[in-house]
Amino acid sequence: MANDAAAAHIRAREATAGRDLVYPPTPVPLVVGVYDNHTHLDPSTGSGRGDGITPLSVTEQLDLASSVGVRGVIQVGTDVATSRWSAEMAAREPRMLAAVAIHPNDTPDLETAGTLDDALAVIDELAGHDRVVAIGETGLDFYRTALDGRAAQFRSFEAHIEIAKRHGLALQIHDRDAHDEVVETLLRVGAPERTVFHCFSGGAELARLCADQGWYMSFAGPVSFKNAATLREALDVAPRALLLVETDAPYLTPTPHRGRPNAPYLLPHTLRAMADHLQTDVSLLAAQITSNTELVYGRWDAHPVLVPDAHTDPRISPAGGLA
């Protein structure tokens, strides 16, 4: 199906050796704000405690993002622990909503251990929380998973689709080296009304297919890379009404800081790269993407946040202070 020339960029974190681990400076603030549709700020990823040599707390990450016009983030879980953390954090942080799921790369081991159904039951329970607005990231990843693990990925993917539809939530898809199979699955079992290809990795053909189905395409840092022409071809044919933008932090730092630590405050670089390529005004594109994002997930203030409690707030570290 789609040309996979860009797929090598997706979720391939720069090697630590030789990386500049200093967080980049803040970009020029956006005039019209946008949302980071997909990020990982939980401490287990490194980003929550800081991927750089000077750690940034979650609160610092969000404060920096706010200072440059990033209005809010979707914090994405990838297993039971990070999904719980995401739901709990979103319940207390007005700039955060949550997505919960079991990452496809984890499903074969869970299936072998006989615990995949238990993990899926937790995701189903978390999906009922007020500020959980999406199921994801889920999908298929044939880059890291061998043939004997693919059946577990398919079973988990279909279960996540069913959870999203049952709770009326958006679906965030992880698709690596599996375009045909992801599309076939969505068409066979029926995609949720709001389906998002997170960190879109296909070319123009996949973008046209997504457009025909009304599926959203979320572009991350690789769209700004010089050698990612295929992604920009997809961007050319993607309807503006189906565009979203994300960081996928701490991965995929956009140009001009590729290889350095990524964070939501760097989202303006990706947005501006998209606007430059589309030869459109960045504020017009930001307004469109903001509208799209709220159509997919709802407003960040649709449900009130809980009053912080030092005994239960997931931001409170054991030593005190905000994590």
C-alpha atoms as a PDB file:
ATOM      1  CA  MET A   1       0.000   0.000   0.000  1.00  0.00           C
ATOM      2  CA  ALA A   2       1.654   3.223   1.147  1.00  0.00           C
ATOM      3  CA  ASN A   3       5.333   3.907   0.593  1.00  0.00           C
ATOM      4  CA  ASP A   4       7.187   3.078   3.809  1.00  0.00           C
ATOM      5  CA  ALA A   5      10.212   5.284   3.120  1.00  0.00           C
ATOM      6  CA  ALA A   6       9.312   7.377   6.149  1.00  0.00           C
ATOM      7  CA  ALA A   7       8.635   4.442   8.440  1.00  0.00           C
ATOM      8  CA  ALA A   8      12.260   4.161   9.519  1.00  0.00           C
ATOM      9  CA  HIS A   9      11.838   7.471  11.316  1.00  0.00           C
ATOM     10  CA  ILE A  10       8.814   6.433  13.332  1.00  0.00           C
ATOM     11  CA  ARG A  11       9.400   5.729  16.994  1.00  0.00           C
ATOM     12  CA  ALA A  12      13.120   5.220  16.324  1.00  0.00           C
ATOM     13  CA  ARG A  13      14.663   7.239  19.104  1.00  0.00           C
ATOM     14  CA  GLU A  14      18.028   8.779  18.381  1.00  0.00           C
ATOM     15  CA  ALA A  15      20.920   6.816  19.861  1.00  0.00           C
ATOM     16  CA  THR A  16      21.994   8.211  23.206  1.00  0.00           C
ATOM     17  CA  ALA A  17      25.693   8.059  22.311  1.00  0.00           C
ATOM     18  CA  GLY A  18      26.778  11.404  20.928  1.00  0.00           C
ATOM     19  CA  ARG A  19      23.396  13.074  21.454  1.00  0.00           C
ATOM     20  CA  ASP A  20      23.164  16.627  22.672  1.00  0.00           C
ATOM     21  CA  LEU A  21      21.153  16.095  25.859  1.00  0.00           C
ATOM     22  CA  VAL A  22      20.529  19.763  26.588  1.00  0.00           C
ATOM     23  CA  TYR A  23      16.885  20.718  26.170  1.00  0.00           C
ATOM     24  CA  PRO A  24      16.498  23.077  23.176  1.00  0.00           C
ATOM     25  CA  PRO A  25      15.507  26.707  23.705  1.00  0.00           C
ATOM     26  CA  THR A  26      11.841  27.598  23.560  1.00  0.00           C
ATOM     27  CA  PRO A  27      10.572  28.491  20.080  1.00  0.00           C
ATOM     28  CA  VAL A  28       8.820  31.727  19.217  1.00  0.00           C
ATOM     29  CA  PRO A  29       5.333  31.455  20.762  1.00  0.00           C
ATOM     30  CA  LEU A  30       2.391  30.723  18.513  1.00  0.00           C
ATOM     31  CA  VAL A  31      -0.172  33.474  18.056  1.00  0.00           C
ATOM     32  CA  VAL A  32      -2.966  30.895  17.828  1.00  0.00           C
ATOM     33  CA  GLY A  33      -2.508  27.977  20.182  1.00  0.00           C
ATOM     34  CA  VAL A  34      -2.712  24.244  19.407  1.00  0.00           C
ATOM     35  CA  TYR A  35      -2.881  20.975  21.324  1.00  0.00           C
ATOM     36  CA  ASP A  36      -0.267  18.235  21.443  1.00  0.00           C
ATOM     37  CA  ASN A  37      -2.414  15.316  20.345  1.00  0.00           C
ATOM     38  CA  HIS A  38       0.016  12.618  21.580  1.00  0.00           C
ATOM     39  CA  THR A  39       2.813  12.775  24.132  1.00  0.00           C
ATOM     40  CA  HIS A  40       4.384  10.632  26.861  1.00  0.00           C
ATOM     41  CA  LEU A  41       5.130  12.551  30.050  1.00  0.00           C
ATOM     42  CA  ASP A  42       4.943   9.616  32.443  1.00  0.00           C
ATOM     43  CA  PRO A  43       8.183   9.137  34.403  1.00  0.00           C
ATOM     44  CA  SER A  44       8.816   5.659  32.956  1.00  0.00           C
ATOM     45  CA  THR A  45       9.496   7.084  29.489  1.00  0.00           C
ATOM     46  CA  GLY A  46      12.230   9.411  30.687  1.00  0.00           C
ATOM     47  CA  SER A  47      10.316  12.495  29.599  1.00  0.00           C
ATOM     48  CA  GLY A  48       8.420  12.859  32.849  1.00  0.00           C
ATOM     49  CA  ARG A  49      11.694  13.087  34.761  1.00  0.00           C
ATOM     50  CA  GLY A  50      13.568  14.646  31.883  1.00  0.00           C
ATOM     51  CA  ASP A  51      15.314  13.094  28.909  1.00  0.00           C
ATOM     52  CA  GLY A  52      17.972  15.790  29.051  1.00  0.00           C
ATOM     53  CA  ILE A  53      20.840  16.285  31.426  1.00  0.00           C
ATOM     54  CA  THR A  54      18.688  18.773  33.349  1.00  0.00           C
ATOM     55  CA  PRO A  55      15.452  16.946  34.226  1.00  0.00           C
ATOM     56  CA  LEU A  56      12.128  18.675  33.708  1.00  0.00           C
ATOM     57  CA  SER A  57       9.164  17.809  35.887  1.00  0.00           C
ATOM     58  CA  VAL A  58       5.739  17.249  34.385  1.00  0.00           C
ATOM     59  CA  THR A  59       4.635  20.633  35.689  1.00  0.00           C
ATOM     60  CA  GLU A  60       7.692  22.308  34.150  1.00  0.00           C
ATOM     61  CA  GLN A  61       6.992  20.543  30.846  1.00  0.00           C
ATOM     62  CA  LEU A  62       3.434  21.837  30.796  1.00  0.00           C
ATOM     63  CA  ASP A  63       4.422  25.335  31.908  1.00  0.00           C
ATOM     64  CA  LEU A  64       6.943  25.563  29.062  1.00  0.00           C
ATOM     65  CA  ALA A  65       4.333  24.299  26.635  1.00  0.00           C
ATOM     66  CA  SER A  66       1.830  26.897  27.812  1.00  0.00           C
ATOM     67  CA  SER A  67       4.405  29.643  27.375  1.00  0.00           C
ATOM     68  CA  VAL A  68       4.699  28.962  23.616  1.00  0.00           C
ATOM     69  CA  GLY A  69       1.021  28.456  22.845  1.00  0.00           C
ATOM     70  CA  VAL A  70       0.557  24.728  23.377  1.00  0.00           C
ATOM     71  CA  ARG A  71      -2.832  24.791  25.059  1.00  0.00           C
ATOM     72  CA  GLY A  72      -2.919  21.219  26.343  1.00  0.00           C
ATOM     73  CA  VAL A  73      -1.733  17.673  25.754  1.00  0.00           C
ATOM     74  CA  ILE A  74      -3.073  14.148  25.374  1.00  0.00           C
ATOM     75  CA  GLN A  75      -0.979  12.037  27.758  1.00  0.00           C
ATOM     76  CA  VAL A  76      -0.792   8.531  26.315  1.00  0.00           C
ATOM     77  CA  GLY A  77      -0.457   5.311  28.270  1.00  0.00           C
ATOM     78  CA  THR A  78       1.209   2.236  26.810  1.00  0.00           C
ATOM     79  CA  ASP A  79       0.655  -0.380  29.528  1.00  0.00           C
ATOM     80  CA  VAL A  80      -1.378  -0.844  32.698  1.00  0.00           C
ATOM     81  CA  ALA A  81       0.929   1.253  34.870  1.00  0.00           C
ATOM     82  CA  THR A  82       1.305   4.213  32.513  1.00  0.00           C
ATOM     83  CA  SER A  83      -2.377   4.124  31.596  1.00  0.00           C
ATOM     84  CA  ARG A  84      -3.345   4.332  35.262  1.00  0.00           C
ATOM     85  CA  TRP A  85      -0.861   7.149  35.774  1.00  0.00           C
ATOM     86  CA  SER A  86      -2.235   8.979  32.727  1.00  0.00           C
ATOM     87  CA  ALA A  87      -5.824   8.737  33.938  1.00  0.00           C
ATOM     88  CA  GLU A  88      -4.918   9.829  37.463  1.00  0.00           C
ATOM     89  CA  MET A  89      -2.758  12.706  36.263  1.00  0.00           C
ATOM     90  CA  ALA A  90      -5.374  13.977  33.812  1.00  0.00           C
ATOM     91  CA  ALA A  91      -7.943  13.953  36.618  1.00  0.00           C
ATOM     92  CA  ARG A  92      -5.849  16.578  38.447  1.00  0.00           C
ATOM     93  CA  GLU A  93      -4.160  18.565  35.668  1.00  0.00           C
ATOM     94  CA  PRO A  94      -6.387  20.913  33.603  1.00  0.00           C
ATOM     95  CA  ARG A  95      -3.913  21.024  30.721  1.00  0.00           C
ATOM     96  CA  MET A  96      -3.950  17.242  30.285  1.00  0.00           C
ATOM     97  CA  LEU A  97      -6.371  14.663  28.960  1.00  0.00           C
ATOM     98  CA  ALA A  98      -5.548  10.961  28.813  1.00  0.00           C
ATOM     99  CA  ALA A  99      -5.447   8.048  26.391  1.00  0.00           C
ATOM    100  CA  VAL A 100      -5.094   4.507  27.741  1.00  0.00           C
ATOM    101  CA  ALA A 101      -4.015   1.254  26.078  1.00  0.00           C
ATOM    102  CA  ILE A 102      -1.655  -1.677  25.904  1.00  0.00           C
ATOM    103  CA  HIS A 103       1.034  -1.012  23.293  1.00  0.00           C
ATOM    104  CA  PRO A 104       1.003  -3.632  20.512  1.00  0.00           C
ATOM    105  CA  ASN A 105       4.636  -4.537  21.134  1.00  0.00           C
ATOM    106  CA  ASP A 106       3.765  -5.645  24.682  1.00  0.00           C
ATOM    107  CA  THR A 107       0.873  -7.912  23.744  1.00  0.00           C
ATOM    108  CA  PRO A 108       2.786 -11.088  22.757  1.00  0.00           C
ATOM    109  CA  ASP A 109       4.489 -11.337  26.154  1.00  0.00           C
ATOM    110  CA  LEU A 110       1.214 -10.671  27.956  1.00  0.00           C
ATOM    111  CA  GLU A 111      -0.525 -13.322  25.866  1.00  0.00           C
ATOM    112  CA  THR A 112       2.216 -15.837  26.623  1.00  0.00           C
ATOM    113  CA  ALA A 113       1.955 -15.042  30.324  1.00  0.00           C
ATOM    114  CA  GLY A 114      -1.827 -15.409  30.236  1.00  0.00           C
ATOM    115  CA  THR A 115      -2.361 -11.837  31.476  1.00  0.00           C
ATOM    116  CA  LEU A 116      -3.491 -10.013  28.323  1.00  0.00           C
ATOM    117  CA  ASP A 117      -7.180 -10.275  29.203  1.00  0.00           C
ATOM    118  CA  ASP A 118      -6.488  -8.909  32.687  1.00  0.00           C
ATOM    119  CA  ALA A 119      -4.629  -5.949  31.183  1.00  0.00           C
ATOM    120  CA  LEU A 120      -7.441  -5.286  28.713  1.00  0.00           C
ATOM    121  CA  ALA A 121      -9.937  -5.332  31.597  1.00  0.00           C
ATOM    122  CA  VAL A 122      -7.980  -2.558  33.308  1.00  0.00           C
ATOM    123  CA  ILE A 123      -8.014  -0.483  30.092  1.00  0.00           C
ATOM    124  CA  ASP A 124     -11.779  -1.016  29.855  1.00  0.00           C
ATOM    125  CA  GLU A 125     -12.199   0.226  33.437  1.00  0.00           C
ATOM    126  CA  LEU A 126      -9.987   3.264  32.920  1.00  0.00           C
ATOM    127  CA  ALA A 127     -11.897   4.126  29.752  1.00  0.00           C
ATOM    128  CA  GLY A 128     -14.807   5.092  31.961  1.00  0.00           C
ATOM    129  CA  HIS A 129     -12.918   7.894  33.724  1.00  0.00           C
ATOM    130  CA  ASP A 130     -14.106  11.415  32.915  1.00  0.00           C
ATOM    131  CA  ARG A 131     -10.878  12.838  31.504  1.00  0.00           C
ATOM    132  CA  VAL A 132      -9.878   9.715  29.580  1.00  0.00           C
ATOM    133  CA  VAL A 133     -10.817  10.679  26.025  1.00  0.00           C
ATOM    134  CA  ALA A 134      -9.117   8.076  23.835  1.00  0.00           C
ATOM    135  CA  ILE A 135      -8.060   4.459  23.598  1.00  0.00           C
ATOM    136  CA  GLY A 136      -4.480   4.282  22.418  1.00  0.00           C
ATOM    137  CA  GLU A 137      -1.964   3.845  21.455  1.00  0.00           C
ATOM    138  CA  THR A 138      -3.062   0.544  19.988  1.00  0.00           C
ATOM    139  CA  GLY A 139      -2.634  -1.081  16.623  1.00  0.00           C
ATOM    140  CA  LEU A 140      -0.070  -3.228  14.852  1.00  0.00           C
ATOM    141  CA  ASP A 141       3.721  -3.071  14.806  1.00  0.00           C
ATOM    142  CA  PHE A 142       5.424  -5.569  12.507  1.00  0.00           C
ATOM    143  CA  TYR A 143       8.812  -3.854  12.864  1.00  0.00           C
ATOM    144  CA  ARG A 144       9.535  -5.134  16.363  1.00  0.00           C
ATOM    145  CA  THR A 145       7.212  -8.137  16.645  1.00  0.00           C
ATOM    146  CA  ALA A 146       8.006 -11.510  15.068  1.00  0.00           C
ATOM    147  CA  LEU A 147       5.456 -13.542  13.128  1.00  0.00           C
ATOM    148  CA  ASP A 148       4.568 -15.692  16.119  1.00  0.00           C
ATOM    149  CA  GLY A 149       3.533 -12.613  18.097  1.00  0.00           C
ATOM    150  CA  ARG A 150       1.197 -11.092  15.549  1.00  0.00           C
ATOM    151  CA  ALA A 151      -1.906 -13.024  16.547  1.00  0.00           C
ATOM    152  CA  ALA A 152      -1.735 -11.409  19.990  1.00  0.00           C
ATOM    153  CA  GLN A 153      -1.403  -7.979  18.389  1.00  0.00           C
ATOM    154  CA  PHE A 154      -4.488  -8.528  16.254  1.00  0.00           C
ATOM    155  CA  ARG A 155      -6.519  -9.794  19.210  1.00  0.00           C
ATOM    156  CA  SER A 156      -5.488  -6.852  21.362  1.00  0.00           C
ATOM    157  CA  PHE A 157      -6.110  -4.334  18.566  1.00  0.00           C
ATOM    158  CA  GLU A 158      -9.629  -5.618  17.999  1.00  0.00           C
ATOM    159  CA  ALA A 159     -10.323  -5.588  21.729  1.00  0.00           C
ATOM    160  CA  HIS A 160      -9.173  -1.958  21.963  1.00  0.00           C
ATOM    161  CA  ILE A 161     -11.393  -1.013  19.025  1.00  0.00           C
ATOM    162  CA  GLU A 162     -14.358  -2.568  20.819  1.00  0.00           C
ATOM    163  CA  ILE A 163     -13.512  -0.721  24.054  1.00  0.00           C
ATOM    164  CA  ALA A 164     -13.320   2.593  22.190  1.00  0.00           C
ATOM    165  CA  LYS A 165     -16.681   2.040  20.516  1.00  0.00           C
ATOM    166  CA  ARG A 166     -18.382   0.854  23.699  1.00  0.00           C
ATOM    167  CA  HIS A 167     -17.255   3.952  25.631  1.00  0.00           C
ATOM    168  CA  GLY A 168     -17.686   6.379  22.726  1.00  0.00           C
ATOM    169  CA  LEU A 169     -13.997   7.351  22.761  1.00  0.00           C
ATOM    170  CA  ALA A 170     -11.539   8.227  20.033  1.00  0.00           C
ATOM    171  CA  LEU A 171      -9.009   5.617  18.905  1.00  0.00           C
ATOM    172  CA  GLN A 172      -5.299   6.436  18.577  1.00  0.00           C
ATOM    173  CA  ILE A 173      -3.560   3.990  16.243  1.00  0.00           C
ATOM    174  CA  HIS A 174       0.066   2.900  16.323  1.00  0.00           C
ATOM    175  CA  ASP A 175       0.904   1.671  12.807  1.00  0.00           C
ATOM    176  CA  ARG A 176       4.416   0.587  11.968  1.00  0.00           C
ATOM    177  CA  ASP A 177       5.165  -1.501   8.877  1.00  0.00           C
ATOM    178  CA  ALA A 178       1.543  -2.685   8.967  1.00  0.00           C
ATOM    179  CA  HIS A 179      -0.521  -0.229   6.892  1.00  0.00           C
ATOM    180  CA  ASP A 180      -2.461  -2.855   4.941  1.00  0.00           C
ATOM    181  CA  GLU A 181      -3.252  -4.935   8.001  1.00  0.00           C
ATOM    182  CA  VAL A 182      -4.308  -1.946  10.123  1.00  0.00           C
ATOM    183  CA  VAL A 183      -6.661  -0.722   7.413  1.00  0.00           C
ATOM    184  CA  GLU A 184      -8.080  -4.207   6.788  1.00  0.00           C
ATOM    185  CA  THR A 185      -8.780  -4.638  10.489  1.00  0.00           C
ATOM    186  CA  LEU A 186     -10.511  -1.272  10.807  1.00  0.00           C
ATOM    187  CA  LEU A 187     -12.685  -1.955   7.763  1.00  0.00           C
ATOM    188  CA  ARG A 188     -13.509  -5.503   8.839  1.00  0.00           C
ATOM    189  CA  VAL A 189     -14.519  -4.825  12.450  1.00  0.00           C
ATOM    190  CA  GLY A 190     -15.632  -1.217  11.985  1.00  0.00           C
ATOM    191  CA  ALA A 191     -13.565   1.771  13.053  1.00  0.00           C
ATOM    192  CA  PRO A 192     -14.698   4.067  15.862  1.00  0.00           C
ATOM    193  CA  GLU A 193     -16.316   7.296  14.696  1.00  0.00           C
ATOM    194  CA  ARG A 194     -13.166   9.227  15.594  1.00  0.00           C
ATOM    195  CA  THR A 195     -10.057   7.317  14.527  1.00  0.00           C
ATOM    196  CA  VAL A 196      -6.588   8.875  14.539  1.00  0.00           C
ATOM    197  CA  PHE A 197      -3.442   7.562  12.864  1.00  0.00           C
ATOM    198  CA  HIS A 198      -0.960   8.738  15.478  1.00  0.00           C
ATOM    199  CA  CYS A 199       2.463   9.786  14.161  1.00  0.00           C
ATOM    200  CA  PHE A 200       1.272   9.233  10.601  1.00  0.00           C
ATOM    201  CA  SER A 201       3.879   7.190   8.751  1.00  0.00           C
ATOM    202  CA  GLY A 202       2.398   6.493   5.346  1.00  0.00           C
ATOM    203  CA  GLY A 203       2.475   8.227   2.013  1.00  0.00           C
ATOM    204  CA  ALA A 204      -0.086   9.826  -0.252  1.00  0.00           C
ATOM    205  CA  GLU A 205      -1.930   6.549  -0.923  1.00  0.00           C
ATOM    206  CA  LEU A 206      -2.614   5.891   2.761  1.00  0.00           C
ATOM    207  CA  ALA A 207      -3.534   9.549   3.266  1.00  0.00           C
ATOM    208  CA  ARG A 208      -6.139   9.321   0.488  1.00  0.00           C
ATOM    209  CA  LEU A 209      -7.576   6.161   2.018  1.00  0.00           C
ATOM    210  CA  CYS A 210      -7.774   7.808   5.445  1.00  0.00           C
ATOM    211  CA  ALA A 211      -9.466  10.817   3.877  1.00  0.00           C
ATOM    212  CA  ASP A 212     -12.044   8.587   2.194  1.00  0.00           C
ATOM    213  CA  GLN A 213     -12.859   6.986   5.554  1.00  0.00           C
ATOM    214  CA  GLY A 214     -12.810  10.219   7.557  1.00  0.00           C
ATOM    215  CA  TRP A 215      -9.842   9.056   9.640  1.00  0.00           C
ATOM    216  CA  TYR A 216      -7.627  11.719  11.183  1.00  0.00           C
ATOM    217  CA  MET A 217      -3.899  11.974  10.460  1.00  0.00           C
ATOM    218  CA  SER A 218      -1.597  13.271  13.200  1.00  0.00           C
ATOM    219  CA  PHE A 219       1.817  14.478  12.057  1.00  0.00           C
ATOM    220  CA  ALA A 220       4.877  14.557  14.311  1.00  0.00           C
ATOM    221  CA  GLY A 221       8.495  15.747  14.068  1.00  0.00           C
ATOM    222  CA  PRO A 222       9.483  13.557  11.084  1.00  0.00           C
ATOM    223  CA  VAL A 223       7.371  15.680   8.745  1.00  0.00           C
ATOM    224  CA  SER A 224      10.070  18.337   9.242  1.00  0.00           C
ATOM    225  CA  PHE A 225      12.982  16.015   8.389  1.00  0.00           C
ATOM    226  CA  LYS A 226      14.744  16.671   5.080  1.00  0.00           C
ATOM    227  CA  ASN A 227      14.594  13.013   4.038  1.00  0.00           C
ATOM    228  CA  ALA A 228      10.879  12.545   4.792  1.00  0.00           C
ATOM    229  CA  ALA A 229       9.464  13.662   1.442  1.00  0.00           C
ATOM    230  CA  THR A 230       6.917  10.828   1.545  1.00  0.00           C
ATOM    231  CA  LEU A 231       5.323  12.295   4.664  1.00  0.00           C
ATOM    232  CA  ARG A 232       5.052  15.699   3.042  1.00  0.00           C
ATOM    233  CA  GLU A 233       3.405  14.090   0.004  1.00  0.00           C
ATOM    234  CA  ALA A 234       0.836  12.653   2.407  1.00  0.00           C
ATOM    235  CA  LEU A 235       0.403  16.066   3.991  1.00  0.00           C
ATOM    236  CA  ASP A 236      -0.310  17.527   0.543  1.00  0.00           C
ATOM    237  CA  VAL A 237      -3.328  15.270   0.003  1.00  0.00           C
ATOM    238  CA  ALA A 238      -4.662  15.111   3.572  1.00  0.00           C
ATOM    239  CA  PRO A 239      -7.770  17.298   4.001  1.00  0.00           C
ATOM    240  CA  ARG A 240      -7.132  20.158   6.418  1.00  0.00           C
ATOM    241  CA  ALA A 241     -10.227  19.085   8.371  1.00  0.00           C
ATOM    242  CA  LEU A 242      -8.509  15.770   9.208  1.00  0.00           C
ATOM    243  CA  LEU A 243      -5.118  17.125  10.323  1.00  0.00           C
ATOM    244  CA  LEU A 244      -3.749  16.892  13.857  1.00  0.00           C
ATOM    245  CA  VAL A 245      -0.269  17.591  15.247  1.00  0.00           C
ATOM    246  CA  GLU A 246       1.773  15.940  17.999  1.00  0.00           C
ATOM    247  CA  THR A 247       5.233  15.585  19.495  1.00  0.00           C
ATOM    248  CA  ASP A 248       5.262  11.903  20.533  1.00  0.00           C
ATOM    249  CA  ALA A 249       7.740  13.213  23.125  1.00  0.00           C
ATOM    250  CA  PRO A 250      10.251  12.144  24.222  1.00  0.00           C
ATOM    251  CA  TYR A 251      10.726  10.759  20.704  1.00  0.00           C
ATOM    252  CA  LEU A 252      11.066  12.319  17.235  1.00  0.00           C
ATOM    253  CA  THR A 253      12.289  15.816  18.041  1.00  0.00           C
ATOM    254  CA  PRO A 254      11.559  18.097  15.066  1.00  0.00           C
ATOM    255  CA  THR A 255      14.021  20.045  12.977  1.00  0.00           C
ATOM    256  CA  PRO A 256      16.052  22.121  13.862  1.00  0.00           C
ATOM    257  CA  HIS A 257      16.685  20.143  17.080  1.00  0.00           C
ATOM    258  CA  ARG A 258      16.504  16.562  15.809  1.00  0.00           C
ATOM    259  CA  GLY A 259      18.282  14.204  18.209  1.00  0.00           C
ATOM    260  CA  ARG A 260      17.937  16.444  21.246  1.00  0.00           C
ATOM    261  CA  PRO A 261      15.386  15.858  24.023  1.00  0.00           C
ATOM    262  CA  ASN A 262      11.800  16.379  22.887  1.00  0.00           C
ATOM    263  CA  ALA A 263       8.922  17.882  24.845  1.00  0.00           C
ATOM    264  CA  PRO A 264       5.496  19.397  24.120  1.00  0.00           C
ATOM    265  CA  TYR A 265       6.924  22.939  24.090  1.00  0.00           C
ATOM    266  CA  LEU A 266       8.717  22.081  20.836  1.00  0.00           C
ATOM    267  CA  LEU A 267       5.447  21.462  18.978  1.00  0.00           C
ATOM    268  CA  PRO A 268       5.527  24.901  17.262  1.00  0.00           C
ATOM    269  CA  HIS A 269       8.482  23.721  15.152  1.00  0.00           C
ATOM    270  CA  THR A 270       6.418  20.890  13.673  1.00  0.00           C
ATOM    271  CA  LEU A 271       3.387  23.103  13.127  1.00  0.00           C
ATOM    272  CA  ARG A 272       5.471  25.738  11.361  1.00  0.00           C
ATOM    273  CA  ALA A 273       7.131  23.091   9.165  1.00  0.00           C
ATOM    274  CA  MET A 274       3.680  21.889   8.140  1.00  0.00           C
ATOM    275  CA  ALA A 275       2.475  25.418   7.418  1.00  0.00           C
ATOM    276  CA  ASP A 276       5.604  26.236   5.420  1.00  0.00           C
ATOM    277  CA  HIS A 277       5.205  23.151   3.280  1.00  0.00           C
ATOM    278  CA  LEU A 278       1.505  23.795   2.714  1.00  0.00           C
ATOM    279  CA  GLN A 279       2.266  27.455   1.988  1.00  0.00           C
ATOM    280  CA  THR A 280      -0.374  28.585   4.408  1.00  0.00           C
ATOM    281  CA  ASP A 281      -0.457  30.963   7.349  1.00  0.00           C
ATOM    282  CA  VAL A 282       0.615  29.211  10.542  1.00  0.00           C
ATOM    283  CA  SER A 283      -2.188  30.829  12.560  1.00  0.00           C
ATOM    284  CA  LEU A 284      -4.817  29.650  10.086  1.00  0.00           C
ATOM    285  CA  LEU A 285      -3.423  26.125  10.238  1.00  0.00           C
ATOM    286  CA  ALA A 286      -3.275  26.270  14.046  1.00  0.00           C
ATOM    287  CA  ALA A 287      -6.918  27.371  14.226  1.00  0.00           C
ATOM    288  CA  GLN A 288      -7.973  24.510  11.956  1.00  0.00           C
ATOM    289  CA  ILE A 289      -5.992  21.914  13.908  1.00  0.00           C
ATOM    290  CA  THR A 290      -7.282  23.219  17.242  1.00  0.00           C
ATOM    291  CA  SER A 291     -10.849  22.884  15.968  1.00  0.00           C
ATOM    292  CA  ASN A 292     -10.102  19.374  14.686  1.00  0.00           C
ATOM    293  CA  THR A 293      -8.548  18.343  17.994  1.00  0.00           C
ATOM    294  CA  GLU A 294     -11.542  19.483  20.015  1.00  0.00           C
ATOM    295  CA  LEU A 295     -13.879  17.661  17.621  1.00  0.00           C
ATOM    296  CA  VAL A 296     -11.925  14.446  18.229  1.00  0.00           C
ATOM    297  CA  TYR A 297     -11.430  14.673  22.004  1.00  0.00           C
ATOM    298  CA  GLY A 298     -13.735  17.378  23.290  1.00  0.00           C
ATOM    299  CA  ARG A 299     -12.713  20.452  25.246  1.00  0.00           C
ATOM    300  CA  TRP A 300     -10.030  20.270  27.923  1.00  0.00           C
ATOM    301  CA  ASP A 301     -12.416  21.990  30.358  1.00  0.00           C
ATOM    302  CA  ALA A 302     -15.378  19.704  29.663  1.00  0.00           C
ATOM    303  CA  HIS A 303     -14.841  17.883  32.966  1.00  0.00           C
ATOM    304  CA  PRO A 304     -13.542  19.560  36.132  1.00  0.00           C
ATOM    305  CA  VAL A 305     -10.255  18.473  37.658  1.00  0.00           C
ATOM    306  CA  LEU A 306      -9.900  17.216  41.202  1.00  0.00           C
ATOM    307  CA  VAL A 307      -8.389  19.341  43.937  1.00  0.00           C
ATOM    308  CA  PRO A 308      -4.749  18.225  44.432  1.00  0.00           C
ATOM    309  CA  ASP A 309      -4.185  16.003  47.435  1.00  0.00           C
ATOM    310  CA  ALA A 310      -0.652  15.333  48.686  1.00  0.00           C
ATOM    311  CA  HIS A 311      -1.649  11.769  49.586  1.00  0.00           C
ATOM    312  CA  THR A 312      -3.184  10.806  46.230  1.00  0.00           C
ATOM    313  CA  ASP A 313      -1.915  13.254  43.597  1.00  0.00           C
ATOM    314  CA  PRO A 314       0.338  11.341  41.143  1.00  0.00           C
ATOM    315  CA  ARG A 315       2.378  14.510  40.688  1.00  0.00           C
ATOM    316  CA  ILE A 316       3.497  14.414  44.301  1.00  0.00           C
ATOM    317  CA  SER A 317       6.821  12.629  44.573  1.00  0.00           C
ATOM    318  CA  PRO A 318       7.704  10.587  47.686  1.00  0.00           C
ATOM    319  CA  ALA A 319      10.089  13.354  48.688  1.00  0.00           C
ATOM    320  CA  GLY A 320       7.411  16.024  48.323  1.00  0.00           C
ATOM    321  CA  GLY A 321       6.947  18.572  45.599  1.00  0.00           C
ATOM    322  CA  LEU A 322       5.479  18.133  42.147  1.00  0.00           C
ATOM    323  CA  ALA A 323       6.871  15.316  40.004  1.00  0.00           C
END
